[in-house]
Amino acid sequence: MSASCLPHVCLMSASCLPHVCLMSASCLPHVCLMSASCLPHVCLMSASCLPHVCLMSASCLPHVCLMSASCLPHVCLMSASCLPHVC
């Protein structure tokens, strides 16, 4: 969740911190986040992010909702052990 995460994570909104809000296709194929309000967790809404990140939920509260087992083990959100895929 900092500049050190790049190029895996492209932050485009400081207001989303300390969580993640991404809105840039240039982040592919690592992470594609397209949610204007992903607080307090992370919401991914792009199937084109496969196979690194495949989350599709408009409201993934209270945690991130995986919609495909094939995404693992690329995505392990809400944990420091997720690096370097997601910060």
C-alpha atoms as a PDB file:
ATOM      1  CA  MET A   1       0.000   0.000   0.000  1.00  0.00           C
ATOM      2  CA  SER A   2       2.875   2.291  -0.772  1.00  0.00           C
ATOM      3  CA  ALA A   3       5.033   3.344  -3.667  1.00  0.00           C
ATOM      4  CA  SER A   4       7.366   0.467  -2.862  1.00  0.00           C
ATOM      5  CA  CYS A   5       4.673  -1.938  -4.036  1.00  0.00           C
ATOM      6  CA  LEU A   6       4.972  -0.773  -7.618  1.00  0.00           C
ATOM      7  CA  PRO A   7       4.752  -2.004 -10.300  1.00  0.00           C
ATOM      8  CA  HIS A   8       2.540  -4.683  -8.811  1.00  0.00           C
ATOM      9  CA  VAL A   9       0.122  -2.177  -7.345  1.00  0.00           C
ATOM     10  CA  CYS A  10      -0.694   1.175  -8.941  1.00  0.00           C
ATOM     11  CA  LEU A  11      -2.334   3.457  -6.409  1.00  0.00           C
ATOM     12  CA  MET A  12      -4.319   6.308  -7.925  1.00  0.00           C
ATOM     13  CA  SER A  13      -6.126   7.655  -4.883  1.00  0.00           C
ATOM     14  CA  ALA A  14      -4.494   8.588  -1.590  1.00  0.00           C
ATOM     15  CA  SER A  15      -7.914   8.777   0.050  1.00  0.00           C
ATOM     16  CA  CYS A  16      -8.206   4.995  -0.170  1.00  0.00           C
ATOM     17  CA  LEU A  17      -5.330   4.475   2.233  1.00  0.00           C
ATOM     18  CA  PRO A  18      -4.619   2.503   4.255  1.00  0.00           C
ATOM     19  CA  HIS A  19      -6.478   0.186   1.918  1.00  0.00           C
ATOM     20  CA  VAL A  20      -6.222  -0.188  -1.836  1.00  0.00           C
ATOM     21  CA  CYS A  21      -8.116   1.582  -4.607  1.00  0.00           C
ATOM     22  CA  LEU A  22      -6.805   1.065  -8.126  1.00  0.00           C
ATOM     23  CA  MET A  23      -8.277   2.496 -11.309  1.00  0.00           C
ATOM     24  CA  SER A  24      -5.676   1.965 -14.017  1.00  0.00           C
ATOM     25  CA  ALA A  25      -5.397  -0.700 -16.708  1.00  0.00           C
ATOM     26  CA  SER A  26      -1.635  -0.162 -16.726  1.00  0.00           C
ATOM     27  CA  CYS A  27      -1.465  -2.211 -13.524  1.00  0.00           C
ATOM     28  CA  LEU A  28      -2.175  -5.364 -15.532  1.00  0.00           C
ATOM     29  CA  PRO A  29      -1.590  -8.186 -15.256  1.00  0.00           C
ATOM     30  CA  HIS A  30      -0.791  -7.925 -11.565  1.00  0.00           C
ATOM     31  CA  VAL A  31      -3.684  -6.089  -9.969  1.00  0.00           C
ATOM     32  CA  CYS A  32      -6.795  -4.477 -11.446  1.00  0.00           C
ATOM     33  CA  LEU A  33      -9.036  -2.671  -8.996  1.00  0.00           C
ATOM     34  CA  MET A  34     -11.964  -0.622 -10.260  1.00  0.00           C
ATOM     35  CA  SER A  35     -13.996   0.578  -7.312  1.00  0.00           C
ATOM     36  CA  ALA A  36     -14.572   4.177  -6.272  1.00  0.00           C
ATOM     37  CA  SER A  37     -15.219   3.085  -2.692  1.00  0.00           C
ATOM     38  CA  CYS A  38     -13.233   0.006  -1.739  1.00  0.00           C
ATOM     39  CA  LEU A  39     -13.136   0.889   1.931  1.00  0.00           C
ATOM     40  CA  PRO A  40     -12.554  -0.694   4.259  1.00  0.00           C
ATOM     41  CA  HIS A  41     -11.473  -3.657   2.181  1.00  0.00           C
ATOM     42  CA  VAL A  42     -10.575  -4.400  -1.412  1.00  0.00           C
ATOM     43  CA  CYS A  43     -13.086  -4.803  -4.228  1.00  0.00           C
ATOM     44  CA  LEU A  44     -11.952  -6.093  -7.609  1.00  0.00           C
ATOM     45  CA  MET A  45     -14.275  -5.909 -10.605  1.00  0.00           C
ATOM     46  CA  SER A  46     -12.368  -7.030 -13.665  1.00  0.00           C
ATOM     47  CA  ALA A  47     -12.171 -10.536 -15.127  1.00  0.00           C
ATOM     48  CA  SER A  48      -9.298  -9.416 -17.357  1.00  0.00           C
ATOM     49  CA  CYS A  49      -7.010  -9.456 -14.315  1.00  0.00           C
ATOM     50  CA  LEU A  50      -6.766 -13.255 -14.523  1.00  0.00           C
ATOM     51  CA  PRO A  51      -4.895 -15.248 -13.551  1.00  0.00           C
ATOM     52  CA  HIS A  52      -3.203 -13.042 -10.975  1.00  0.00           C
ATOM     53  CA  VAL A  53      -6.293 -11.519  -9.458  1.00  0.00           C
ATOM     54  CA  CYS A  54      -9.819 -12.693 -10.104  1.00  0.00           C
ATOM     55  CA  LEU A  55     -12.179 -11.094  -7.614  1.00  0.00           C
ATOM     56  CA  MET A  56     -15.612  -9.946  -8.733  1.00  0.00           C
ATOM     57  CA  SER A  57     -17.752  -8.416  -6.016  1.00  0.00           C
ATOM     58  CA  ALA A  58     -19.292  -4.952  -5.826  1.00  0.00           C
ATOM     59  CA  SER A  59     -19.404  -5.206  -2.035  1.00  0.00           C
ATOM     60  CA  CYS A  60     -16.788  -7.552  -0.625  1.00  0.00           C
ATOM     61  CA  LEU A  61     -17.482  -6.770   2.991  1.00  0.00           C
ATOM     62  CA  PRO A  62     -16.362  -7.785   5.475  1.00  0.00           C
ATOM     63  CA  HIS A  63     -13.554  -9.420   3.526  1.00  0.00           C
ATOM     64  CA  VAL A  64     -12.440 -10.021  -0.012  1.00  0.00           C
ATOM     65  CA  CYS A  65     -14.626 -12.449  -1.911  1.00  0.00           C
ATOM     66  CA  LEU A  66     -12.803 -14.864  -4.201  1.00  0.00           C
ATOM     67  CA  MET A  67     -14.967 -16.024  -7.080  1.00  0.00           C
ATOM     68  CA  SER A  68     -12.528 -18.572  -8.496  1.00  0.00           C
ATOM     69  CA  ALA A  69     -10.290 -21.143  -6.814  1.00  0.00           C
ATOM     70  CA  SER A  70      -7.856 -20.843  -9.720  1.00  0.00           C
ATOM     71  CA  CYS A  71      -6.826 -17.402  -8.446  1.00  0.00           C
ATOM     72  CA  LEU A  72      -4.955 -18.957  -5.546  1.00  0.00           C
ATOM     73  CA  PRO A  73      -2.275 -18.619  -4.418  1.00  0.00           C
ATOM     74  CA  HIS A  74      -1.807 -15.278  -6.160  1.00  0.00           C
ATOM     75  CA  VAL A  75      -4.279 -13.405  -3.993  1.00  0.00           C
ATOM     76  CA  CYS A  76      -3.998 -13.385  -0.226  1.00  0.00           C
ATOM     77  CA  LEU A  77      -5.348 -10.030   0.816  1.00  0.00           C
ATOM     78  CA  MET A  78      -5.495  -8.528   4.314  1.00  0.00           C
ATOM     79  CA  SER A  79      -2.103 -10.048   5.153  1.00  0.00           C
ATOM     80  CA  ALA A  80       1.483  -8.863   4.886  1.00  0.00           C
ATOM     81  CA  SER A  81       2.382 -12.250   3.432  1.00  0.00           C
ATOM     82  CA  CYS A  82       0.656 -11.278   0.186  1.00  0.00           C
ATOM     83  CA  LEU A  83       3.726  -9.467  -1.104  1.00  0.00           C
ATOM     84  CA  PRO A  84       4.700  -8.866  -3.782  1.00  0.00           C
ATOM     85  CA  HIS A  85       1.335  -9.345  -5.435  1.00  0.00           C
ATOM     86  CA  VAL A  86      -0.769  -7.051  -3.277  1.00  0.00           C
ATOM     87  CA  CYS A  87       0.348  -4.448  -0.763  1.00  0.00           C
END
